[in-house]
Amino acid sequence: MAPLPRRLVTERLDVLEPADPLAMGSRRDLVLVNRLMFAGPIAAGLLRRHVAAPPRRILEVGAGDGRFALHLAKRLAERWPGVEIVLLDRQDLVTAETRRAFAALGWLARPLAADVFALPGALGMGDPGFDCVFANLFLHHFEGDALRRLLRLLAQMAPVVIATEPHRDRASLLASRLLGLLGANAVTRHDAPASVRAGFCGRELSAQWEAPGFALHEARHGPFTQGFAAVREGGR
């Protein structure tokens, strides 16, 4: 059976004001979506597998309200103590409660409100860099030159880049259309199938990676998730 063609459309959550009740409800729905995708265990497994030593600094791009990163921290903090995690998003949606939850795990969460393509300037010239970068449900918002440019930028940020994205196939699309039965709101009911349509399969992310000197790992993980890892050969 031929794969679904990749197609990007504007997702409604991206254009709503953060305080809009529909946006707030959809961000809550994302917790359920990530659970159904097994995105937390998959991302944590990829990080453990490909980050050779306990990291000091981690960057998440497209961090949203930070709840996914907090879920990862709960899985990783015992083996990776004292991590500083920079949570990049266009708006700072990380609550004081979430920051305290990171602190209780021994991690320092530092939200950074900036466009991802403005990241080097937002960090500043004296920034010490990162041990790894990860993205969850973020790369599928880009295609063509913009996606290649984003991947080149991430390759400059750290020696390890990890991503968990929607796996694009008919089974994932069908599952995304059933989220309303689990109480997902109208924004999520639109955005979930749109995300699957914009997702990845096969080696599509690897084909867009242009930075030399990285070993690439890409595969389907679980029923609904495309996992990707780029690891600089020889470390930093």
C-alpha atoms as a PDB file:
ATOM      1  CA  MET A   1       0.000   0.000   0.000  1.00  0.00           C
ATOM      2  CA  ALA A   2       1.384   3.410  -0.966  1.00  0.00           C
ATOM      3  CA  PRO A   3       2.299   5.699   1.957  1.00  0.00           C
ATOM      4  CA  LEU A   4       0.115   8.675   2.700  1.00  0.00           C
ATOM      5  CA  PRO A   5       1.429  11.806   0.992  1.00  0.00           C
ATOM      6  CA  ARG A   6       2.866  14.335   3.421  1.00  0.00           C
ATOM      7  CA  ARG A   7       0.712  17.457   3.743  1.00  0.00           C
ATOM      8  CA  LEU A   8       1.059  20.469   6.034  1.00  0.00           C
ATOM      9  CA  VAL A   9      -1.843  22.649   7.131  1.00  0.00           C
ATOM     10  CA  THR A  10      -2.015  25.287   9.851  1.00  0.00           C
ATOM     11  CA  GLU A  11      -2.846  23.755  13.208  1.00  0.00           C
ATOM     12  CA  ARG A  12      -5.395  25.664  15.237  1.00  0.00           C
ATOM     13  CA  LEU A  13      -3.448  25.595  18.478  1.00  0.00           C
ATOM     14  CA  ASP A  14      -0.664  27.547  16.757  1.00  0.00           C
ATOM     15  CA  VAL A  15      -2.911  30.531  16.044  1.00  0.00           C
ATOM     16  CA  LEU A  16      -4.936  30.713  19.269  1.00  0.00           C
ATOM     17  CA  GLU A  17      -4.013  33.016  22.126  1.00  0.00           C
ATOM     18  CA  PRO A  18      -2.390  30.989  24.923  1.00  0.00           C
ATOM     19  CA  ALA A  19      -5.099  31.956  27.422  1.00  0.00           C
ATOM     20  CA  ASP A  20      -7.950  30.963  25.110  1.00  0.00           C
ATOM     21  CA  PRO A  21      -9.924  28.180  26.862  1.00  0.00           C
ATOM     22  CA  LEU A  22      -9.779  26.078  23.684  1.00  0.00           C
ATOM     23  CA  ALA A  23      -5.990  26.401  23.610  1.00  0.00           C
ATOM     24  CA  MET A  24      -5.706  25.522  27.293  1.00  0.00           C
ATOM     25  CA  GLY A  25      -7.926  22.497  26.755  1.00  0.00           C
ATOM     26  CA  SER A  26      -5.920  21.373  23.755  1.00  0.00           C
ATOM     27  CA  ARG A  27      -2.656  21.593  25.703  1.00  0.00           C
ATOM     28  CA  ARG A  28      -4.266  19.322  28.304  1.00  0.00           C
ATOM     29  CA  ASP A  29      -5.290  16.971  25.494  1.00  0.00           C
ATOM     30  CA  LEU A  30      -1.651  16.789  24.398  1.00  0.00           C
ATOM     31  CA  VAL A  31      -0.830  15.015  27.645  1.00  0.00           C
ATOM     32  CA  LEU A  32      -3.255  12.272  26.577  1.00  0.00           C
ATOM     33  CA  VAL A  33      -1.931  12.270  23.003  1.00  0.00           C
ATOM     34  CA  ASN A  34       1.648  11.809  24.219  1.00  0.00           C
ATOM     35  CA  ARG A  35       0.524   8.996  26.507  1.00  0.00           C
ATOM     36  CA  LEU A  36      -1.246   7.205  23.667  1.00  0.00           C
ATOM     37  CA  MET A  37       1.827   7.638  21.453  1.00  0.00           C
ATOM     38  CA  PHE A  38       4.124   6.325  24.223  1.00  0.00           C
ATOM     39  CA  ALA A  39       6.154   9.422  23.387  1.00  0.00           C
ATOM     40  CA  GLY A  40       7.576   9.810  26.898  1.00  0.00           C
ATOM     41  CA  PRO A  41       9.070   6.320  27.214  1.00  0.00           C
ATOM     42  CA  ILE A  42      10.232   6.416  23.586  1.00  0.00           C
ATOM     43  CA  ALA A  43      11.957   9.799  23.957  1.00  0.00           C
ATOM     44  CA  ALA A  44      13.509   8.802  27.299  1.00  0.00           C
ATOM     45  CA  GLY A  45      14.789   5.585  25.733  1.00  0.00           C
ATOM     46  CA  LEU A  46      16.327   7.446  22.812  1.00  0.00           C
ATOM     47  CA  LEU A  47      18.013   9.907  25.166  1.00  0.00           C
ATOM     48  CA  ARG A  48      19.430   7.145  27.371  1.00  0.00           C
ATOM     49  CA  ARG A  49      20.645   5.223  24.333  1.00  0.00           C
ATOM     50  CA  HIS A  50      22.333   8.064  22.502  1.00  0.00           C
ATOM     51  CA  VAL A  51      23.578  10.475  25.202  1.00  0.00           C
ATOM     52  CA  ALA A  52      26.766   8.781  26.346  1.00  0.00           C
ATOM     53  CA  ALA A  53      27.290  10.564  29.686  1.00  0.00           C
ATOM     54  CA  PRO A  54      24.848  12.296  32.064  1.00  0.00           C
ATOM     55  CA  PRO A  55      24.217  15.709  30.505  1.00  0.00           C
ATOM     56  CA  ARG A  56      24.620  19.051  32.212  1.00  0.00           C
ATOM     57  CA  ARG A  57      22.405  21.085  29.870  1.00  0.00           C
ATOM     58  CA  ILE A  58      19.499  20.026  27.666  1.00  0.00           C
ATOM     59  CA  LEU A  59      17.481  22.094  25.208  1.00  0.00           C
ATOM     60  CA  GLU A  60      13.914  21.338  24.219  1.00  0.00           C
ATOM     61  CA  VAL A  61      12.628  23.183  21.148  1.00  0.00           C
ATOM     62  CA  GLY A  62       8.887  23.669  20.837  1.00  0.00           C
ATOM     63  CA  ALA A  63       8.531  23.008  24.562  1.00  0.00           C
ATOM     64  CA  GLY A  64       4.986  24.340  24.982  1.00  0.00           C
ATOM     65  CA  ASP A  65       4.019  24.394  28.641  1.00  0.00           C
ATOM     66  CA  GLY A  66       6.925  22.152  29.674  1.00  0.00           C
ATOM     67  CA  ARG A  67       4.806  19.213  30.799  1.00  0.00           C
ATOM     68  CA  PHE A  68       6.370  16.774  28.336  1.00  0.00           C
ATOM     69  CA  ALA A  69       9.874  17.752  29.460  1.00  0.00           C
ATOM     70  CA  LEU A  70       8.776  17.323  33.076  1.00  0.00           C
ATOM     71  CA  HIS A  71       7.551  13.828  32.239  1.00  0.00           C
ATOM     72  CA  LEU A  72      10.997  13.049  30.810  1.00  0.00           C
ATOM     73  CA  ALA A  73      12.712  14.547  33.848  1.00  0.00           C
ATOM     74  CA  LYS A  74      10.755  12.218  36.130  1.00  0.00           C
ATOM     75  CA  ARG A  75      12.082   9.276  34.114  1.00  0.00           C
ATOM     76  CA  LEU A  76      15.667  10.512  33.886  1.00  0.00           C
ATOM     77  CA  ALA A  77      16.459  12.540  37.014  1.00  0.00           C
ATOM     78  CA  GLU A  78      17.688   9.625  39.114  1.00  0.00           C
ATOM     79  CA  ARG A  79      20.365   8.757  36.540  1.00  0.00           C
ATOM     80  CA  TRP A  80      20.838  12.333  35.321  1.00  0.00           C
ATOM     81  CA  PRO A  81      20.986  14.625  38.381  1.00  0.00           C
ATOM     82  CA  GLY A  82      21.385  18.385  38.397  1.00  0.00           C
ATOM     83  CA  VAL A  83      20.401  19.063  34.779  1.00  0.00           C
ATOM     84  CA  GLU A  84      19.638  22.547  33.503  1.00  0.00           C
ATOM     85  CA  ILE A  85      16.908  22.332  30.860  1.00  0.00           C
ATOM     86  CA  VAL A  86      16.114  25.262  28.580  1.00  0.00           C
ATOM     87  CA  LEU A  87      12.497  25.173  27.399  1.00  0.00           C
ATOM     88  CA  LEU A  88      12.250  27.075  24.127  1.00  0.00           C
ATOM     89  CA  ASP A  89       8.922  28.179  22.746  1.00  0.00           C
ATOM     90  CA  ARG A  90       7.595  31.315  21.095  1.00  0.00           C
ATOM     91  CA  GLN A  91       5.791  32.147  24.359  1.00  0.00           C
ATOM     92  CA  ASP A  92       6.597  31.319  27.949  1.00  0.00           C
ATOM     93  CA  LEU A  93       3.803  28.934  28.950  1.00  0.00           C
ATOM     94  CA  VAL A  94       5.669  27.222  31.792  1.00  0.00           C
ATOM     95  CA  THR A  95       3.842  27.727  35.071  1.00  0.00           C
ATOM     96  CA  ALA A  96       5.443  28.317  38.445  1.00  0.00           C
ATOM     97  CA  GLU A  97       4.029  24.958  39.530  1.00  0.00           C
ATOM     98  CA  THR A  98       5.849  23.193  36.692  1.00  0.00           C
ATOM     99  CA  ARG A  99       9.113  24.949  37.545  1.00  0.00           C
ATOM    100  CA  ARG A 100       8.758  23.850  41.163  1.00  0.00           C
ATOM    101  CA  ALA A 101       8.157  20.279  40.009  1.00  0.00           C
ATOM    102  CA  PHE A 102      11.431  20.383  38.059  1.00  0.00           C
ATOM    103  CA  ALA A 103      13.213  21.819  41.104  1.00  0.00           C
ATOM    104  CA  ALA A 104      11.856  19.015  43.284  1.00  0.00           C
ATOM    105  CA  LEU A 105      13.623  16.585  40.941  1.00  0.00           C
ATOM    106  CA  GLY A 106      16.869  18.536  41.202  1.00  0.00           C
ATOM    107  CA  TRP A 107      16.565  20.030  37.708  1.00  0.00           C
ATOM    108  CA  LEU A 108      16.646  23.725  36.829  1.00  0.00           C
ATOM    109  CA  ALA A 109      14.025  24.659  34.232  1.00  0.00           C
ATOM    110  CA  ARG A 110      14.719  27.850  32.303  1.00  0.00           C
ATOM    111  CA  PRO A 111      11.943  28.898  29.902  1.00  0.00           C
ATOM    112  CA  LEU A 112      13.119  30.905  26.892  1.00  0.00           C
ATOM    113  CA  ALA A 113      10.556  32.749  24.768  1.00  0.00           C
ATOM    114  CA  ALA A 114      11.924  33.054  21.223  1.00  0.00           C
ATOM    115  CA  ASP A 115      11.432  31.839  17.696  1.00  0.00           C
ATOM    116  CA  VAL A 116      13.549  28.759  17.077  1.00  0.00           C
ATOM    117  CA  PHE A 117      15.376  30.416  14.176  1.00  0.00           C
ATOM    118  CA  ALA A 118      16.361  33.270  16.499  1.00  0.00           C
ATOM    119  CA  LEU A 119      17.812  30.814  18.992  1.00  0.00           C
ATOM    120  CA  PRO A 120      21.524  31.674  18.693  1.00  0.00           C
ATOM    121  CA  GLY A 121      20.835  35.349  19.345  1.00  0.00           C
ATOM    122  CA  ALA A 122      18.360  34.601  22.143  1.00  0.00           C
ATOM    123  CA  LEU A 123      20.942  32.451  23.940  1.00  0.00           C
ATOM    124  CA  GLY A 124      23.709  35.032  23.654  1.00  0.00           C
ATOM    125  CA  MET A 125      27.334  34.792  22.588  1.00  0.00           C
ATOM    126  CA  GLY A 126      28.539  33.456  25.936  1.00  0.00           C
ATOM    127  CA  ASP A 127      26.150  30.517  26.098  1.00  0.00           C
ATOM    128  CA  PRO A 128      28.070  27.300  26.894  1.00  0.00           C
ATOM    129  CA  GLY A 129      26.006  25.103  24.589  1.00  0.00           C
ATOM    130  CA  PHE A 130      24.083  21.912  25.191  1.00  0.00           C
ATOM    131  CA  ASP A 131      24.785  18.234  25.586  1.00  0.00           C
ATOM    132  CA  CYS A 132      21.619  17.297  23.707  1.00  0.00           C
ATOM    133  CA  VAL A 133      18.572  18.801  22.034  1.00  0.00           C
ATOM    134  CA  PHE A 134      15.185  17.162  21.805  1.00  0.00           C
ATOM    135  CA  ALA A 135      11.894  17.965  20.130  1.00  0.00           C
ATOM    136  CA  ASN A 136       8.503  16.356  20.551  1.00  0.00           C
ATOM    137  CA  LEU A 137       5.683  16.932  18.050  1.00  0.00           C
ATOM    138  CA  PHE A 138       7.556  19.933  16.638  1.00  0.00           C
ATOM    139  CA  LEU A 139       9.518  19.063  13.490  1.00  0.00           C
ATOM    140  CA  HIS A 140       6.364  18.127  11.576  1.00  0.00           C
ATOM    141  CA  HIS A 141       5.455  21.825  11.469  1.00  0.00           C
ATOM    142  CA  PHE A 142       8.238  22.362   8.908  1.00  0.00           C
ATOM    143  CA  GLU A 143       8.982  21.203   5.383  1.00  0.00           C
ATOM    144  CA  GLY A 144      11.429  21.796   2.553  1.00  0.00           C
ATOM    145  CA  ASP A 145      14.061  24.472   3.061  1.00  0.00           C
ATOM    146  CA  ALA A 146      12.664  25.470   6.463  1.00  0.00           C
ATOM    147  CA  LEU A 147      12.984  21.908   7.800  1.00  0.00           C
ATOM    148  CA  ARG A 148      16.529  21.539   6.464  1.00  0.00           C
ATOM    149  CA  ARG A 149      17.486  24.898   7.938  1.00  0.00           C
ATOM    150  CA  LEU A 150      16.014  23.894  11.303  1.00  0.00           C
ATOM    151  CA  LEU A 151      17.907  20.611  11.347  1.00  0.00           C
ATOM    152  CA  ARG A 152      21.158  22.397  10.466  1.00  0.00           C
ATOM    153  CA  LEU A 153      20.565  24.775  13.374  1.00  0.00           C
ATOM    154  CA  LEU A 154      19.920  21.958  15.825  1.00  0.00           C
ATOM    155  CA  ALA A 155      23.095  20.214  14.662  1.00  0.00           C
ATOM    156  CA  GLN A 156      25.013  23.329  15.721  1.00  0.00           C
ATOM    157  CA  MET A 157      23.411  23.342  19.178  1.00  0.00           C
ATOM    158  CA  ALA A 158      24.487  19.927  20.487  1.00  0.00           C
ATOM    159  CA  PRO A 159      26.191  16.647  19.583  1.00  0.00           C
ATOM    160  CA  VAL A 160      22.925  14.715  19.998  1.00  0.00           C
ATOM    161  CA  VAL A 161      19.544  15.624  18.501  1.00  0.00           C
ATOM    162  CA  ILE A 162      16.486  13.542  19.407  1.00  0.00           C
ATOM    163  CA  ALA A 163      12.962  13.867  18.007  1.00  0.00           C
ATOM    164  CA  THR A 164       9.654  12.080  18.481  1.00  0.00           C
ATOM    165  CA  GLU A 165       7.081  12.871  15.804  1.00  0.00           C
ATOM    166  CA  PRO A 166       3.809  11.464  14.467  1.00  0.00           C
ATOM    167  CA  HIS A 167       4.295   8.362  12.350  1.00  0.00           C
ATOM    168  CA  ARG A 168       2.399   9.002   9.118  1.00  0.00           C
ATOM    169  CA  ASP A 169       0.251   6.089   8.066  1.00  0.00           C
ATOM    170  CA  ARG A 170      -3.403   5.168   7.814  1.00  0.00           C
ATOM    171  CA  ALA A 171      -3.557   3.469  11.208  1.00  0.00           C
ATOM    172  CA  SER A 172      -2.224   6.594  12.937  1.00  0.00           C
ATOM    173  CA  LEU A 173      -4.653   8.745  10.977  1.00  0.00           C
ATOM    174  CA  LEU A 174      -7.590   6.585  11.998  1.00  0.00           C
ATOM    175  CA  ALA A 175      -6.529   6.669  15.655  1.00  0.00           C
ATOM    176  CA  SER A 176      -6.192  10.459  15.553  1.00  0.00           C
ATOM    177  CA  ARG A 177      -9.769  10.747  14.314  1.00  0.00           C
ATOM    178  CA  LEU A 178     -11.023   8.806  17.335  1.00  0.00           C
ATOM    179  CA  LEU A 179      -9.677  11.212  19.959  1.00  0.00           C
ATOM    180  CA  GLY A 180     -13.053  12.897  20.239  1.00  0.00           C
ATOM    181  CA  LEU A 181     -14.380   9.692  21.787  1.00  0.00           C
ATOM    182  CA  LEU A 182     -11.877  10.253  24.614  1.00  0.00           C
ATOM    183  CA  GLY A 183     -13.084  13.806  25.220  1.00  0.00           C
ATOM    184  CA  ALA A 184     -10.619  15.782  23.092  1.00  0.00           C
ATOM    185  CA  ASN A 185     -11.839  19.264  22.228  1.00  0.00           C
ATOM    186  CA  ALA A 186     -12.469  20.738  18.777  1.00  0.00           C
ATOM    187  CA  VAL A 187      -8.932  22.102  18.416  1.00  0.00           C
ATOM    188  CA  THR A 188      -7.366  18.726  19.142  1.00  0.00           C
ATOM    189  CA  ARG A 189      -9.850  16.939  16.896  1.00  0.00           C
ATOM    190  CA  HIS A 190      -8.627  19.143  14.033  1.00  0.00           C
ATOM    191  CA  ASP A 191      -4.945  19.235  14.911  1.00  0.00           C
ATOM    192  CA  ALA A 192      -4.338  15.547  15.619  1.00  0.00           C
ATOM    193  CA  PRO A 193      -5.175  14.315  12.086  1.00  0.00           C
ATOM    194  CA  ALA A 194      -3.352  17.348  10.669  1.00  0.00           C
ATOM    195  CA  SER A 195      -0.262  16.363  12.665  1.00  0.00           C
ATOM    196  CA  VAL A 196      -0.378  12.806  11.355  1.00  0.00           C
ATOM    197  CA  ARG A 197      -0.721  14.065   7.773  1.00  0.00           C
ATOM    198  CA  ALA A 198       2.376  16.235   8.356  1.00  0.00           C
ATOM    199  CA  GLY A 199       4.278  13.479  10.148  1.00  0.00           C
ATOM    200  CA  PHE A 200       7.090  11.273   8.922  1.00  0.00           C
ATOM    201  CA  CYS A 201       7.706   7.693   7.847  1.00  0.00           C
ATOM    202  CA  GLY A 202      10.598   5.663   6.496  1.00  0.00           C
ATOM    203  CA  ARG A 203      13.792   7.735   6.486  1.00  0.00           C
ATOM    204  CA  GLU A 204      12.228  11.073   5.635  1.00  0.00           C
ATOM    205  CA  LEU A 205      13.846  13.062   8.432  1.00  0.00           C
ATOM    206  CA  SER A 206      17.232  11.510   7.745  1.00  0.00           C
ATOM    207  CA  ALA A 207      16.897  12.529   4.088  1.00  0.00           C
ATOM    208  CA  GLN A 208      16.558  16.175   5.170  1.00  0.00           C
ATOM    209  CA  TRP A 209      19.617  16.109   7.466  1.00  0.00           C
ATOM    210  CA  GLU A 210      22.551  17.897   5.853  1.00  0.00           C
ATOM    211  CA  ALA A 211      25.066  18.311   8.691  1.00  0.00           C
ATOM    212  CA  PRO A 212      28.123  16.085   8.116  1.00  0.00           C
ATOM    213  CA  GLY A 213      29.708  13.906  10.779  1.00  0.00           C
ATOM    214  CA  PHE A 214      26.525  12.566  12.380  1.00  0.00           C
ATOM    215  CA  ALA A 215      25.262   8.994  12.594  1.00  0.00           C
ATOM    216  CA  LEU A 216      21.512   8.952  11.922  1.00  0.00           C
ATOM    217  CA  HIS A 217      18.960   6.598  13.449  1.00  0.00           C
ATOM    218  CA  GLU A 218      15.339   6.720  12.365  1.00  0.00           C
ATOM    219  CA  ALA A 219      12.544   4.204  12.790  1.00  0.00           C
ATOM    220  CA  ARG A 220       8.973   3.706  13.818  1.00  0.00           C
ATOM    221  CA  HIS A 221       8.612   3.205  17.584  1.00  0.00           C
ATOM    222  CA  GLY A 222       5.369   1.790  18.874  1.00  0.00           C
ATOM    223  CA  PRO A 223       2.167   2.151  16.876  1.00  0.00           C
ATOM    224  CA  PHE A 224       2.105   5.912  16.314  1.00  0.00           C
ATOM    225  CA  THR A 225       5.572   7.459  16.780  1.00  0.00           C
ATOM    226  CA  GLN A 226       8.477   8.165  14.430  1.00  0.00           C
ATOM    227  CA  GLY A 227      11.722   8.327  16.404  1.00  0.00           C
ATOM    228  CA  PHE A 228      14.830  10.111  15.157  1.00  0.00           C
ATOM    229  CA  ALA A 229      18.331  10.509  16.576  1.00  0.00           C
ATOM    230  CA  ALA A 230      21.382  12.250  15.149  1.00  0.00           C
ATOM    231  CA  VAL A 231      24.621  11.601  17.040  1.00  0.00           C
ATOM    232  CA  ARG A 232      27.863  13.401  16.240  1.00  0.00           C
ATOM    233  CA  GLU A 233      30.580  10.884  15.562  1.00  0.00           C
ATOM    234  CA  GLY A 234      33.425  11.289  18.027  1.00  0.00           C
ATOM    235  CA  GLY A 235      31.337  13.378  20.446  1.00  0.00           C
ATOM    236  CA  ARG A 236      31.598  17.158  20.530  1.00  0.00           C
END
